[in-house]
Structure formats: structure tokens, C-alpha cells
PDB file of N, CA and C in Angstrom:
ATOM      1  N   MET A   1     -33.675 -26.285 -16.897  1.00  0.00           N
ATOM      2  CA  MET A   1     -32.486 -25.547 -16.106  1.00  0.00           C
ATOM      3  C   MET A   1     -32.525 -24.134 -16.007  1.00  0.00           C
ATOM      4  N   ARG A   2     -33.010 -23.323 -17.079  1.00  0.00           N
ATOM      5  CA  ARG A   2     -33.600 -22.192 -17.227  1.00  0.00           C
ATOM      6  C   ARG A   2     -34.089 -21.259 -15.791  1.00  0.00           C
ATOM      7  N   ASP A   3     -34.946 -22.138 -15.465  1.00  0.00           N
ATOM      8  CA  ASP A   3     -35.493 -21.632 -14.313  1.00  0.00           C
ATOM      9  C   ASP A   3     -34.459 -22.099 -12.835  1.00  0.00           C
ATOM     10  N   LEU A   4     -33.567 -23.001 -13.110  1.00  0.00           N
ATOM     11  CA  LEU A   4     -32.798 -23.463 -11.367  1.00  0.00           C
ATOM     12  C   LEU A   4     -31.514 -22.386 -12.031  1.00  0.00           C
ATOM     13  N   LEU A   5     -31.292 -22.127 -12.968  1.00  0.00           N
ATOM     14  CA  LEU A   5     -30.091 -20.899 -12.911  1.00  0.00           C
ATOM     15  C   LEU A   5     -30.640 -19.644 -12.803  1.00  0.00           C
ATOM     16  N   ALA A   6     -31.817 -19.130 -13.279  1.00  0.00           N
ATOM     17  CA  ALA A   6     -32.493 -17.858 -12.846  1.00  0.00           C
ATOM     18  C   ALA A   6     -32.418 -17.339 -11.253  1.00  0.00           C
ATOM     19  N   ARG A   7     -32.750 -18.500 -10.700  1.00  0.00           N
ATOM     20  CA  ARG A   7     -32.721 -18.905  -8.833  1.00  0.00           C
ATOM     21  C   ARG A   7     -31.493 -18.535  -8.460  1.00  0.00           C
ATOM     22  N   SER A   8     -31.583 -17.705  -6.935  1.00  0.00           N
ATOM     23  CA  SER A   8     -30.665 -17.280  -6.666  1.00  0.00           C
ATOM     24  C   SER A   8     -30.573 -18.259  -4.728  1.00  0.00           C
ATOM     25  N   ASP A   9     -31.889 -18.666  -4.380  1.00  0.00           N
ATOM     26  CA  ASP A   9     -31.807 -19.302  -3.353  1.00  0.00           C
ATOM     27  C   ASP A   9     -31.145 -20.791  -2.925  1.00  0.00           C
ATOM     28  N   GLU A  10     -31.043 -21.395  -2.046  1.00  0.00           N
ATOM     29  CA  GLU A  10     -30.303 -21.974  -1.472  1.00  0.00           C
ATOM     30  C   GLU A  10     -30.320 -23.429  -2.114  1.00  0.00           C
ATOM     31  N   GLU A  11     -31.513 -23.823  -2.203  1.00  0.00           N
ATOM     32  CA  GLU A  11     -32.099 -25.042  -2.829  1.00  0.00           C
ATOM     33  C   GLU A  11     -31.356 -25.160  -4.290  1.00  0.00           C
ATOM     34  N   ALA A  12     -31.784 -24.034  -4.934  1.00  0.00           N
ATOM     35  CA  ALA A  12     -31.360 -23.918  -6.622  1.00  0.00           C
ATOM     36  C   ALA A  12     -29.851 -24.069  -7.004  1.00  0.00           C
ATOM     37  N   GLY A  13     -29.164 -22.961  -5.579  1.00  0.00           N
ATOM     38  CA  GLY A  13     -27.887 -23.741  -5.935  1.00  0.00           C
ATOM     39  C   GLY A  13     -27.190 -25.220  -5.251  1.00  0.00           C
ATOM     40  N   LEU A  14     -27.932 -25.878  -4.548  1.00  0.00           N
ATOM     41  CA  LEU A  14     -27.642 -27.277  -4.203  1.00  0.00           C
ATOM     42  C   LEU A  14     -27.905 -27.797  -5.527  1.00  0.00           C
ATOM     43  N   ALA A  15     -29.103 -27.902  -5.962  1.00  0.00           N
ATOM     44  CA  ALA A  15     -29.557 -28.439  -7.187  1.00  0.00           C
ATOM     45  C   ALA A  15     -28.582 -28.393  -8.371  1.00  0.00           C
ATOM     46  N   LEU A  16     -28.044 -27.335  -8.639  1.00  0.00           N
ATOM     47  CA  LEU A  16     -26.944 -26.828  -9.761  1.00  0.00           C
ATOM     48  C   LEU A  16     -25.587 -27.716  -9.375  1.00  0.00           C
ATOM     49  N   GLU A  17     -25.117 -27.558  -8.058  1.00  0.00           N
ATOM     50  CA  GLU A  17     -23.912 -28.171  -7.826  1.00  0.00           C
ATOM     51  C   GLU A  17     -23.943 -29.768  -7.783  1.00  0.00           C
ATOM     52  N   VAL A  18     -24.916 -30.390  -7.324  1.00  0.00           N
ATOM     53  CA  VAL A  18     -25.297 -31.803  -7.799  1.00  0.00           C
ATOM     54  C   VAL A  18     -25.056 -31.944  -9.080  1.00  0.00           C
ATOM     55  N   TYR A  19     -26.004 -31.360  -9.864  1.00  0.00           N
ATOM     56  CA  TYR A  19     -25.996 -31.386 -11.692  1.00  0.00           C
ATOM     57  C   TYR A  19     -24.523 -31.507 -12.166  1.00  0.00           C
ATOM     58  N   LEU A  20     -24.022 -30.419 -11.702  1.00  0.00           N
ATOM     59  CA  LEU A  20     -22.737 -30.562 -12.087  1.00  0.00           C
ATOM     60  C   LEU A  20     -22.019 -31.712 -11.886  1.00  0.00           C
ATOM     61  N   HIS A  21     -21.727 -32.178 -10.089  1.00  0.00           N
ATOM     62  CA  HIS A  21     -21.069 -33.324 -10.366  1.00  0.00           C
ATOM     63  C   HIS A  21     -20.733 -34.240 -10.754  1.00  0.00           C
ATOM     64  N   ARG A  22     -22.459 -34.567 -11.028  1.00  0.00           N
ATOM     65  CA  ARG A  22     -22.859 -35.595 -11.867  1.00  0.00           C
ATOM     66  C   ARG A  22     -22.582 -35.455 -13.260  1.00  0.00           C
ATOM     67  N   LEU A  23     -22.622 -34.236 -13.902  1.00  0.00           N
ATOM     68  CA  LEU A  23     -22.123 -33.959 -15.142  1.00  0.00           C
ATOM     69  C   LEU A  23     -21.087 -34.296 -15.127  1.00  0.00           C
ATOM     70  N   ARG A  24     -19.658 -34.052 -14.492  1.00  0.00           N
ATOM     71  CA  ARG A  24     -18.537 -34.290 -14.324  1.00  0.00           C
ATOM     72  C   ARG A  24     -17.863 -35.568 -14.085  1.00  0.00           C
ATOM     73  N   ALA A  25     -18.888 -35.722 -13.169  1.00  0.00           N
ATOM     74  CA  ALA A  25     -18.510 -37.867 -12.815  1.00  0.00           C
ATOM     75  C   ALA A  25     -18.491 -38.352 -14.385  1.00  0.00           C
ATOM     76  N   GLY A  26     -19.270 -38.041 -14.739  1.00  0.00           N
ATOM     77  CA  GLY A  26     -20.046 -38.633 -16.042  1.00  0.00           C
ATOM     78  C   GLY A  26     -18.870 -38.565 -16.852  1.00  0.00           C
ATOM     79  N   ILE A  27     -18.415 -37.588 -17.349  1.00  0.00           N
ATOM     80  CA  ILE A  27     -17.399 -37.204 -18.332  1.00  0.00           C
ATOM     81  C   ILE A  27     -16.263 -38.224 -17.974  1.00  0.00           C
ATOM     82  N   ALA A  28     -15.614 -37.731 -16.593  1.00  0.00           N
ATOM     83  CA  ALA A  28     -14.688 -38.511 -16.018  1.00  0.00           C
ATOM     84  C   ALA A  28     -14.577 -39.536 -16.075  1.00  0.00           C
ATOM     85  N   THR A  29     -15.803 -40.736 -15.897  1.00  0.00           N
ATOM     86  CA  THR A  29     -15.489 -42.541 -15.996  1.00  0.00           C
ATOM     87  C   THR A  29     -15.799 -42.634 -17.153  1.00  0.00           C
ATOM     88  N   MET A  30     -16.272 -41.803 -18.219  1.00  0.00           N
ATOM     89  CA  MET A  30     -15.840 -42.509 -19.852  1.00  0.00           C
ATOM     90  C   MET A  30     -14.897 -41.933 -20.226  1.00  0.00           C
ATOM     91  N   THR A  31     -13.765 -40.602 -19.513  1.00  0.00           N
ATOM     92  CA  THR A  31     -12.605 -40.028 -19.824  1.00  0.00           C
ATOM     93  C   THR A  31     -11.710 -41.458 -19.475  1.00  0.00           C
ATOM     94  N   ALA A  32     -12.051 -42.126 -18.299  1.00  0.00           N
ATOM     95  CA  ALA A  32     -11.179 -43.211 -17.733  1.00  0.00           C
ATOM     96  C   ALA A  32     -11.345 -44.569 -18.806  1.00  0.00           C
ATOM     97  N   SER A  33     -12.081 -44.590 -19.055  1.00  0.00           N
ATOM     98  CA  SER A  33     -12.384 -46.029 -20.057  1.00  0.00           C
ATOM     99  C   SER A  33     -12.134 -45.904 -21.509  1.00  0.00           C
ATOM    100  N   LEU A  34     -11.533 -44.544 -21.894  1.00  0.00           N
ATOM    101  CA  LEU A  34     -11.371 -44.380 -23.420  1.00  0.00           C
ATOM    102  C   LEU A  34      -9.499 -44.109 -23.166  1.00  0.00           C
ATOM    103  N   GLY A  35      -9.147 -44.042 -22.008  1.00  0.00           N
ATOM    104  CA  GLY A  35      -7.919 -43.860 -21.572  1.00  0.00           C
ATOM    105  C   GLY A  35      -7.370 -42.296 -21.915  1.00  0.00           C
ATOM    106  N   GLY A  36      -8.250 -41.445 -22.030  1.00  0.00           N
ATOM    107  CA  GLY A  36      -7.784 -39.684 -21.999  1.00  0.00           C
ATOM    108  C   GLY A  36      -8.968 -39.039 -23.189  1.00  0.00           C
ATOM    109  N   ILE A  37      -8.711 -37.796 -23.023  1.00  0.00           N
ATOM    110  CA  ILE A  37      -9.829 -37.165 -23.790  1.00  0.00           C
ATOM    111  C   ILE A  37      -9.011 -36.294 -25.113  1.00  0.00           C
ATOM    112  N   ASP A  38      -9.647 -36.161 -26.189  1.00  0.00           N
ATOM    113  CA  ASP A  38      -9.244 -35.522 -27.118  1.00  0.00           C
ATOM    114  C   ASP A  38     -10.489 -34.015 -27.626  1.00  0.00           C
ATOM    115  N   VAL A  39     -11.296 -34.555 -26.828  1.00  0.00           N
ATOM    116  CA  VAL A  39     -12.645 -33.570 -27.856  1.00  0.00           C
ATOM    117  C   VAL A  39     -13.598 -33.364 -26.833  1.00  0.00           C
ATOM    118  N   LEU A  40     -14.451 -32.619 -25.775  1.00  0.00           N
ATOM    119  CA  LEU A  40     -15.438 -32.927 -25.099  1.00  0.00           C
ATOM    120  C   LEU A  40     -16.602 -32.063 -25.974  1.00  0.00           C
ATOM    121  N   VAL A  41     -17.348 -32.608 -26.426  1.00  0.00           N
ATOM    122  CA  VAL A  41     -18.718 -31.855 -27.280  1.00  0.00           C
ATOM    123  C   VAL A  41     -20.021 -31.769 -26.136  1.00  0.00           C
ATOM    124  N   PHE A  42     -20.181 -30.885 -26.126  1.00  0.00           N
ATOM    125  CA  PHE A  42     -21.849 -30.112 -25.657  1.00  0.00           C
ATOM    126  C   PHE A  42     -22.589 -30.139 -26.362  1.00  0.00           C
ATOM    127  N   THR A  43     -23.646 -30.556 -26.221  1.00  0.00           N
ATOM    128  CA  THR A  43     -24.828 -30.682 -26.997  1.00  0.00           C
ATOM    129  C   THR A  43     -26.062 -30.614 -26.782  1.00  0.00           C
ATOM    130  N   GLY A  44     -27.375 -30.709 -27.195  1.00  0.00           N
ATOM    131  CA  GLY A  44     -28.431 -30.958 -26.733  1.00  0.00           C
ATOM    132  C   GLY A  44     -29.037 -29.440 -26.074  1.00  0.00           C
ATOM    133  N   GLY A  45     -30.362 -29.261 -25.548  1.00  0.00           N
ATOM    134  CA  GLY A  45     -31.062 -28.244 -24.790  1.00  0.00           C
ATOM    135  C   GLY A  45     -29.642 -27.396 -23.756  1.00  0.00           C
ATOM    136  N   VAL A  46     -29.321 -28.422 -22.643  1.00  0.00           N
ATOM    137  CA  VAL A  46     -28.443 -27.575 -21.926  1.00  0.00           C
ATOM    138  C   VAL A  46     -26.964 -27.568 -22.448  1.00  0.00           C
ATOM    139  N   GLY A  47     -26.036 -28.206 -23.498  1.00  0.00           N
ATOM    140  CA  GLY A  47     -25.054 -28.297 -23.734  1.00  0.00           C
ATOM    141  C   GLY A  47     -24.783 -27.301 -24.571  1.00  0.00           C
ATOM    142  N   GLN A  48     -25.922 -27.224 -25.704  1.00  0.00           N
ATOM    143  CA  GLN A  48     -26.078 -26.418 -26.749  1.00  0.00           C
ATOM    144  C   GLN A  48     -26.609 -24.846 -26.294  1.00  0.00           C
ATOM    145  N   ASN A  49     -26.971 -25.072 -25.330  1.00  0.00           N
ATOM    146  CA  ASN A  49     -27.674 -23.509 -24.727  1.00  0.00           C
ATOM    147  C   ASN A  49     -27.319 -22.831 -23.710  1.00  0.00           C
ATOM    148  N   SER A  50     -26.605 -23.588 -22.560  1.00  0.00           N
ATOM    149  CA  SER A  50     -26.148 -22.903 -21.279  1.00  0.00           C
ATOM    150  C   SER A  50     -24.521 -22.498 -21.539  1.00  0.00           C
ATOM    151  N   ALA A  51     -23.806 -21.459 -21.516  1.00  0.00           N
ATOM    152  CA  ALA A  51     -22.837 -21.069 -21.475  1.00  0.00           C
ATOM    153  C   ALA A  51     -22.261 -21.558 -19.895  1.00  0.00           C
ATOM    154  N   THR A  52     -22.888 -20.874 -19.151  1.00  0.00           N
ATOM    155  CA  THR A  52     -22.538 -21.261 -17.733  1.00  0.00           C
ATOM    156  C   THR A  52     -22.552 -22.431 -17.383  1.00  0.00           C
ATOM    157  N   ILE A  53     -23.593 -23.422 -17.695  1.00  0.00           N
ATOM    158  CA  ILE A  53     -22.755 -24.968 -17.650  1.00  0.00           C
ATOM    159  C   ILE A  53     -21.683 -25.210 -18.005  1.00  0.00           C
ATOM    160  N   ARG A  54     -21.731 -24.950 -19.012  1.00  0.00           N
ATOM    161  CA  ARG A  54     -20.373 -25.381 -20.340  1.00  0.00           C
ATOM    162  C   ARG A  54     -18.903 -24.992 -19.045  1.00  0.00           C
ATOM    163  N   ALA A  55     -18.911 -23.650 -18.997  1.00  0.00           N
ATOM    164  CA  ALA A  55     -18.116 -22.653 -17.972  1.00  0.00           C
ATOM    165  C   ALA A  55     -17.904 -24.023 -16.567  1.00  0.00           C
ATOM    166  N   ARG A  56     -18.824 -24.127 -16.256  1.00  0.00           N
ATOM    167  CA  ARG A  56     -18.898 -24.391 -14.685  1.00  0.00           C
ATOM    168  C   ARG A  56     -18.561 -25.938 -14.829  1.00  0.00           C
ATOM    169  N   ALA A  57     -19.312 -26.582 -15.569  1.00  0.00           N
ATOM    170  CA  ALA A  57     -18.398 -28.290 -15.843  1.00  0.00           C
ATOM    171  C   ALA A  57     -16.736 -28.112 -16.090  1.00  0.00           C
ATOM    172  N   ALA A  58     -16.604 -27.153 -17.149  1.00  0.00           N
ATOM    173  CA  ALA A  58     -15.290 -27.176 -17.436  1.00  0.00           C
ATOM    174  C   ALA A  58     -14.311 -27.071 -16.400  1.00  0.00           C
ATOM    175  N   GLU A  59     -14.642 -26.045 -15.600  1.00  0.00           N
ATOM    176  CA  GLU A  59     -13.899 -25.877 -13.983  1.00  0.00           C
ATOM    177  C   GLU A  59     -13.306 -26.612 -13.437  1.00  0.00           C
ATOM    178  N   GLY A  60     -14.227 -27.808 -13.500  1.00  0.00           N
ATOM    179  CA  GLY A  60     -13.967 -29.093 -12.754  1.00  0.00           C
ATOM    180  C   GLY A  60     -12.996 -30.534 -13.424  1.00  0.00           C
ATOM    181  N   LEU A  61     -12.597 -29.782 -14.868  1.00  0.00           N
ATOM    182  CA  LEU A  61     -12.098 -30.959 -15.575  1.00  0.00           C
ATOM    183  C   LEU A  61     -10.612 -30.348 -16.296  1.00  0.00           C
ATOM    184  N   GLY A  62     -10.507 -29.426 -15.774  1.00  0.00           N
ATOM    185  CA  GLY A  62      -8.806 -28.837 -16.037  1.00  0.00           C
ATOM    186  C   GLY A  62      -7.851 -29.923 -16.073  1.00  0.00           C
ATOM    187  N   TYR A  63      -7.956 -30.498 -15.318  1.00  0.00           N
ATOM    188  CA  TYR A  63      -6.903 -31.871 -14.931  1.00  0.00           C
ATOM    189  C   TYR A  63      -6.886 -32.793 -16.520  1.00  0.00           C
ATOM    190  N   LEU A  64      -7.965 -32.960 -17.147  1.00  0.00           N
ATOM    191  CA  LEU A  64      -7.958 -33.237 -18.197  1.00  0.00           C
ATOM    192  C   LEU A  64      -7.748 -32.364 -19.522  1.00  0.00           C
ATOM    193  N   GLY A  65      -7.371 -31.304 -19.340  1.00  0.00           N
ATOM    194  CA  GLY A  65      -6.898 -30.522 -20.555  1.00  0.00           C
ATOM    195  C   GLY A  65      -7.907 -29.612 -20.841  1.00  0.00           C
ATOM    196  N   VAL A  66      -9.153 -30.053 -20.512  1.00  0.00           N
ATOM    197  CA  VAL A  66      -9.902 -28.973 -20.897  1.00  0.00           C
ATOM    198  C   VAL A  66      -9.910 -27.717 -20.353  1.00  0.00           C
ATOM    199  N   GLN A  67      -9.880 -26.805 -20.880  1.00  0.00           N
ATOM    200  CA  GLN A  67     -10.106 -24.961 -20.733  1.00  0.00           C
ATOM    201  C   GLN A  67     -11.287 -24.723 -21.872  1.00  0.00           C
ATOM    202  N   VAL A  68     -11.844 -23.861 -20.973  1.00  0.00           N
ATOM    203  CA  VAL A  68     -13.317 -23.209 -22.230  1.00  0.00           C
ATOM    204  C   VAL A  68     -12.893 -21.473 -22.026  1.00  0.00           C
ATOM    205  N   ASP A  69     -12.806 -21.063 -23.162  1.00  0.00           N
ATOM    206  CA  ASP A  69     -12.278 -19.719 -23.910  1.00  0.00           C
ATOM    207  C   ASP A  69     -13.894 -19.011 -22.901  1.00  0.00           C
ATOM    208  N   PRO A  70     -13.855 -17.728 -22.397  1.00  0.00           N
ATOM    209  CA  PRO A  70     -14.964 -17.091 -21.583  1.00  0.00           C
ATOM    210  C   PRO A  70     -15.715 -16.395 -22.652  1.00  0.00           C
ATOM    211  N   GLU A  71     -14.803 -15.966 -23.564  1.00  0.00           N
ATOM    212  CA  GLU A  71     -15.907 -15.123 -24.933  1.00  0.00           C
ATOM    213  C   GLU A  71     -16.294 -15.825 -25.573  1.00  0.00           C
ATOM    214  N   ARG A  72     -15.552 -16.427 -26.144  1.00  0.00           N
ATOM    215  CA  ARG A  72     -15.747 -17.935 -27.103  1.00  0.00           C
ATOM    216  C   ARG A  72     -17.132 -19.085 -26.884  1.00  0.00           C
ATOM    217  N   ASN A  73     -17.189 -19.093 -25.511  1.00  0.00           N
ATOM    218  CA  ASN A  73     -18.381 -19.675 -25.013  1.00  0.00           C
ATOM    219  C   ASN A  73     -19.450 -18.753 -24.830  1.00  0.00           C
ATOM    220  N   GLN A  74     -19.117 -17.016 -24.352  1.00  0.00           N
ATOM    221  CA  GLN A  74     -20.245 -16.830 -24.473  1.00  0.00           C
ATOM    222  C   GLN A  74     -21.203 -16.607 -25.885  1.00  0.00           C
ATOM    223  N   GLN A  75     -20.163 -16.400 -26.567  1.00  0.00           N
ATOM    224  CA  GLN A  75     -20.590 -16.054 -28.196  1.00  0.00           C
ATOM    225  C   GLN A  75     -20.970 -17.463 -28.896  1.00  0.00           C
ATOM    226  N   ALA A  76     -20.778 -18.439 -28.117  1.00  0.00           N
ATOM    227  CA  ALA A  76     -21.329 -19.929 -29.255  1.00  0.00           C
ATOM    228  C   ALA A  76     -22.631 -19.870 -29.712  1.00  0.00           C
ATOM    229  N   GLY A  77     -22.556 -20.410 -30.980  1.00  0.00           N
ATOM    230  CA  GLY A  77     -24.078 -20.501 -31.745  1.00  0.00           C
ATOM    231  C   GLY A  77     -23.625 -21.471 -32.252  1.00  0.00           C
ATOM    232  N   GLY A  78     -24.728 -22.473 -33.015  1.00  0.00           N
ATOM    233  CA  GLY A  78     -24.695 -23.082 -33.956  1.00  0.00           C
ATOM    234  C   GLY A  78     -23.144 -24.066 -33.514  1.00  0.00           C
ATOM    235  N   ASP A  79     -22.593 -24.760 -34.444  1.00  0.00           N
ATOM    236  CA  ASP A  79     -21.311 -25.570 -34.433  1.00  0.00           C
ATOM    237  C   ASP A  79     -20.248 -24.851 -34.133  1.00  0.00           C
ATOM    238  N   THR A  80     -19.576 -24.419 -32.812  1.00  0.00           N
ATOM    239  CA  THR A  80     -18.506 -23.402 -32.640  1.00  0.00           C
ATOM    240  C   THR A  80     -17.822 -24.237 -31.822  1.00  0.00           C
ATOM    241  N   VAL A  81     -16.415 -23.822 -31.969  1.00  0.00           N
ATOM    242  CA  VAL A  81     -15.206 -23.870 -31.096  1.00  0.00           C
ATOM    243  C   VAL A  81     -15.303 -23.440 -29.686  1.00  0.00           C
ATOM    244  N   VAL A  82     -15.123 -23.621 -28.616  1.00  0.00           N
ATOM    245  CA  VAL A  82     -15.292 -22.935 -27.254  1.00  0.00           C
ATOM    246  C   VAL A  82     -13.902 -22.948 -26.373  1.00  0.00           C
ATOM    247  N   SER A  83     -12.954 -24.229 -26.609  1.00  0.00           N
ATOM    248  CA  SER A  83     -12.025 -24.231 -25.594  1.00  0.00           C
ATOM    249  C   SER A  83     -11.026 -23.039 -25.952  1.00  0.00           C
ATOM    250  N   ALA A  84      -9.999 -22.876 -24.724  1.00  0.00           N
ATOM    251  CA  ALA A  84      -9.471 -21.728 -24.957  1.00  0.00           C
ATOM    252  C   ALA A  84      -8.348 -22.532 -25.828  1.00  0.00           C
ATOM    253  N   HIS A  85      -7.440 -21.448 -26.633  1.00  0.00           N
ATOM    254  CA  HIS A  85      -5.902 -21.584 -27.453  1.00  0.00           C
ATOM    255  C   HIS A  85      -5.458 -22.158 -26.710  1.00  0.00           C
ATOM    256  N   GLY A  86      -4.774 -22.803 -27.229  1.00  0.00           N
ATOM    257  CA  GLY A  86      -3.623 -24.119 -26.759  1.00  0.00           C
ATOM    258  C   GLY A  86      -4.080 -25.126 -25.634  1.00  0.00           C
ATOM    259  N   ALA A  87      -5.563 -25.369 -25.513  1.00  0.00           N
ATOM    260  CA  ALA A  87      -5.734 -26.108 -24.552  1.00  0.00           C
ATOM    261  C   ALA A  87      -5.909 -27.523 -25.112  1.00  0.00           C
ATOM    262  N   ALA A  88      -5.035 -28.163 -24.213  1.00  0.00           N
ATOM    263  CA  ALA A  88      -4.835 -29.745 -24.663  1.00  0.00           C
ATOM    264  C   ALA A  88      -6.260 -30.579 -24.803  1.00  0.00           C
ATOM    265  N   ALA A  89      -7.396 -30.453 -25.023  1.00  0.00           N
ATOM    266  CA  ALA A  89      -8.646 -31.122 -25.693  1.00  0.00           C
ATOM    267  C   ALA A  89      -9.414 -29.702 -25.639  1.00  0.00           C
ATOM    268  N   ALA A  90     -10.038 -29.840 -27.167  1.00  0.00           N
ATOM    269  CA  ALA A  90     -10.693 -28.978 -27.787  1.00  0.00           C
ATOM    270  C   ALA A  90     -11.815 -29.357 -26.931  1.00  0.00           C
ATOM    271  N   VAL A  91     -13.043 -28.291 -26.837  1.00  0.00           N
ATOM    272  CA  VAL A  91     -14.227 -27.974 -26.605  1.00  0.00           C
ATOM    273  C   VAL A  91     -15.278 -27.373 -27.004  1.00  0.00           C
ATOM    274  N   LEU A  92     -15.907 -28.711 -27.856  1.00  0.00           N
ATOM    275  CA  LEU A  92     -17.098 -27.958 -28.821  1.00  0.00           C
ATOM    276  C   LEU A  92     -18.128 -28.103 -28.424  1.00  0.00           C
ATOM    277  N   VAL A  93     -19.125 -26.981 -29.014  1.00  0.00           N
ATOM    278  CA  VAL A  93     -20.593 -26.641 -28.868  1.00  0.00           C
ATOM    279  C   VAL A  93     -21.298 -27.210 -30.339  1.00  0.00           C
ATOM    280  N   VAL A  94     -22.203 -28.357 -30.583  1.00  0.00           N
ATOM    281  CA  VAL A  94     -22.532 -28.873 -31.662  1.00  0.00           C
ATOM    282  C   VAL A  94     -23.873 -28.644 -31.674  1.00  0.00           C
ATOM    283  N   ALA A  95     -24.526 -28.317 -32.657  1.00  0.00           N
ATOM    284  CA  ALA A  95     -25.981 -28.330 -32.796  1.00  0.00           C
ATOM    285  C   ALA A  95     -26.617 -29.542 -32.555  1.00  0.00           C
ATOM    286  N   ALA A  96     -27.742 -29.711 -32.032  1.00  0.00           N
ATOM    287  CA  ALA A  96     -28.404 -31.389 -31.811  1.00  0.00           C
ATOM    288  C   ALA A  96     -29.494 -31.142 -33.343  1.00  0.00           C
ATOM    289  N   ARG A  97     -29.339 -32.375 -33.913  1.00  0.00           N
ATOM    290  CA  ARG A  97     -30.111 -32.281 -35.021  1.00  0.00           C
ATOM    291  C   ARG A  97     -30.982 -33.535 -35.123  1.00  0.00           C
ATOM    292  N   GLU A  98     -31.648 -33.253 -34.291  1.00  0.00           N
ATOM    293  CA  GLU A  98     -32.743 -34.413 -34.016  1.00  0.00           C
ATOM    294  C   GLU A  98     -33.648 -34.808 -35.347  1.00  0.00           C
ATOM    295  N   ASP A  99     -33.995 -33.678 -35.655  1.00  0.00           N
ATOM    296  CA  ASP A  99     -34.892 -33.702 -37.096  1.00  0.00           C
ATOM    297  C   ASP A  99     -34.901 -34.502 -38.025  1.00  0.00           C
ATOM    298  N   LEU A 100     -33.529 -34.709 -38.400  1.00  0.00           N
ATOM    299  CA  LEU A 100     -32.630 -35.072 -39.174  1.00  0.00           C
ATOM    300  C   LEU A 100     -32.433 -36.640 -38.701  1.00  0.00           C
ATOM    301  N   GLU A 101     -32.302 -36.945 -37.653  1.00  0.00           N
ATOM    302  CA  GLU A 101     -31.837 -38.351 -37.481  1.00  0.00           C
ATOM    303  C   GLU A 101     -33.219 -38.884 -37.279  1.00  0.00           C
ATOM    304  N   ILE A 102     -34.378 -38.284 -37.099  1.00  0.00           N
ATOM    305  CA  ILE A 102     -35.458 -38.607 -37.194  1.00  0.00           C
ATOM    306  C   ILE A 102     -35.961 -39.288 -38.934  1.00  0.00           C
ATOM    307  N   ALA A 103     -35.712 -38.263 -39.525  1.00  0.00           N
ATOM    308  CA  ALA A 103     -36.069 -38.296 -41.110  1.00  0.00           C
ATOM    309  C   ALA A 103     -35.090 -39.872 -41.730  1.00  0.00           C
ATOM    310  N   ARG A 104     -34.136 -39.697 -40.801  1.00  0.00           N
ATOM    311  CA  ARG A 104     -32.932 -40.967 -41.553  1.00  0.00           C
ATOM    312  C   ARG A 104     -33.897 -42.533 -40.924  1.00  0.00           C
ATOM    313  N   GLN A 105     -34.355 -42.322 -39.787  1.00  0.00           N
ATOM    314  CA  GLN A 105     -34.947 -43.058 -38.885  1.00  0.00           C
ATOM    315  C   GLN A 105     -36.028 -43.560 -39.742  1.00  0.00           C
ATOM    316  N   THR A 106     -36.433 -42.624 -40.588  1.00  0.00           N
ATOM    317  CA  THR A 106     -38.173 -43.185 -41.010  1.00  0.00           C
ATOM    318  C   THR A 106     -37.769 -43.660 -42.209  1.00  0.00           C
ATOM    319  N   ARG A 107     -37.102 -43.051 -42.623  1.00  0.00           N
ATOM    320  CA  ARG A 107     -36.917 -43.483 -43.966  1.00  0.00           C
ATOM    321  C   ARG A 107     -36.118 -44.802 -44.188  1.00  0.00           C
ATOM    322  N   GLN A 108     -35.256 -45.220 -43.427  1.00  0.00           N
ATOM    323  CA  GLN A 108     -34.984 -46.599 -42.678  1.00  0.00           C
ATOM    324  C   GLN A 108     -35.751 -47.592 -42.638  1.00  0.00           C
ATOM    325  N   ALA A 109     -36.965 -46.952 -42.027  1.00  0.00           N
ATOM    326  CA  ALA A 109     -37.758 -47.759 -41.300  1.00  0.00           C
ATOM    327  C   ALA A 109     -38.926 -48.622 -42.367  1.00  0.00           C
ATOM    328  N   LEU A 110     -39.211 -47.534 -43.496  1.00  0.00           N
ATOM    329  CA  LEU A 110     -40.054 -47.010 -44.411  1.00  0.00           C
ATOM    330  C   LEU A 110     -39.375 -48.028 -45.613  1.00  0.00           C
ATOM    331  N   SER A 111     -38.198 -48.417 -45.594  1.00  0.00           N
ATOM    332  CA  SER A 111     -37.210 -49.161 -46.822  1.00  0.00           C
ATOM    333  C   SER A 111     -37.530 -50.413 -47.073  1.00  0.00           C
TER     334      SER A 111
END
């Protein structure tokens, strides 16, 4: 994703638009199944590390009450709230903790 965002050619732009479309579609599908949204969480490699992707994804989700504060989004680090004040749905960035989950599952398997 870093390489894709660094490019300015037409193919990279199209790939980014397809990625964002699929991301928003997945969020919308899950939201429809749940009957609404209270919180949207970005985590993992892209969600945790790309303010651009978080902002662009949120642009298409305003009808769900998702609004990202540009300054909070740019400064996000670790576990952070990046939603705009007064937004109907909270938007969070949560640090992935795969190492803790691996340790937990290993302990469970060895028990």
C-alpha cells in the first residue's frame, strides 16, 4: 500500500479506487447486517498506519455517521480516537497486537 500511495500514475489511482470501493462495500455490508454502526475501528497494517486510507474510506461513509477529524487522523498513534467531534459513529485506530494473541493461543495449546 505504501508503494501504491507513493505512485501518481493512472494504474495506481485505479487500484486505490478499487481498494477503497471494496473496503467501503465490506463496511457497508457488515453495517447493514448489524442494523447500524456505533464504532468503526481501523487496525492492522493499512488501517493502523495509513491516515490517507482512513480519511478516504471515511469520505464514502458519511451517511453512516462516520466522520474523521483530519488533524486527529494525521497524528494518530497507538490506540486513538480519530472521529470528528459530534460524529454519530466513533472512529478508532487500534494497534494490532498479534504477538499477544500468538502467545495466548500457544499457552492454550500447551495447556
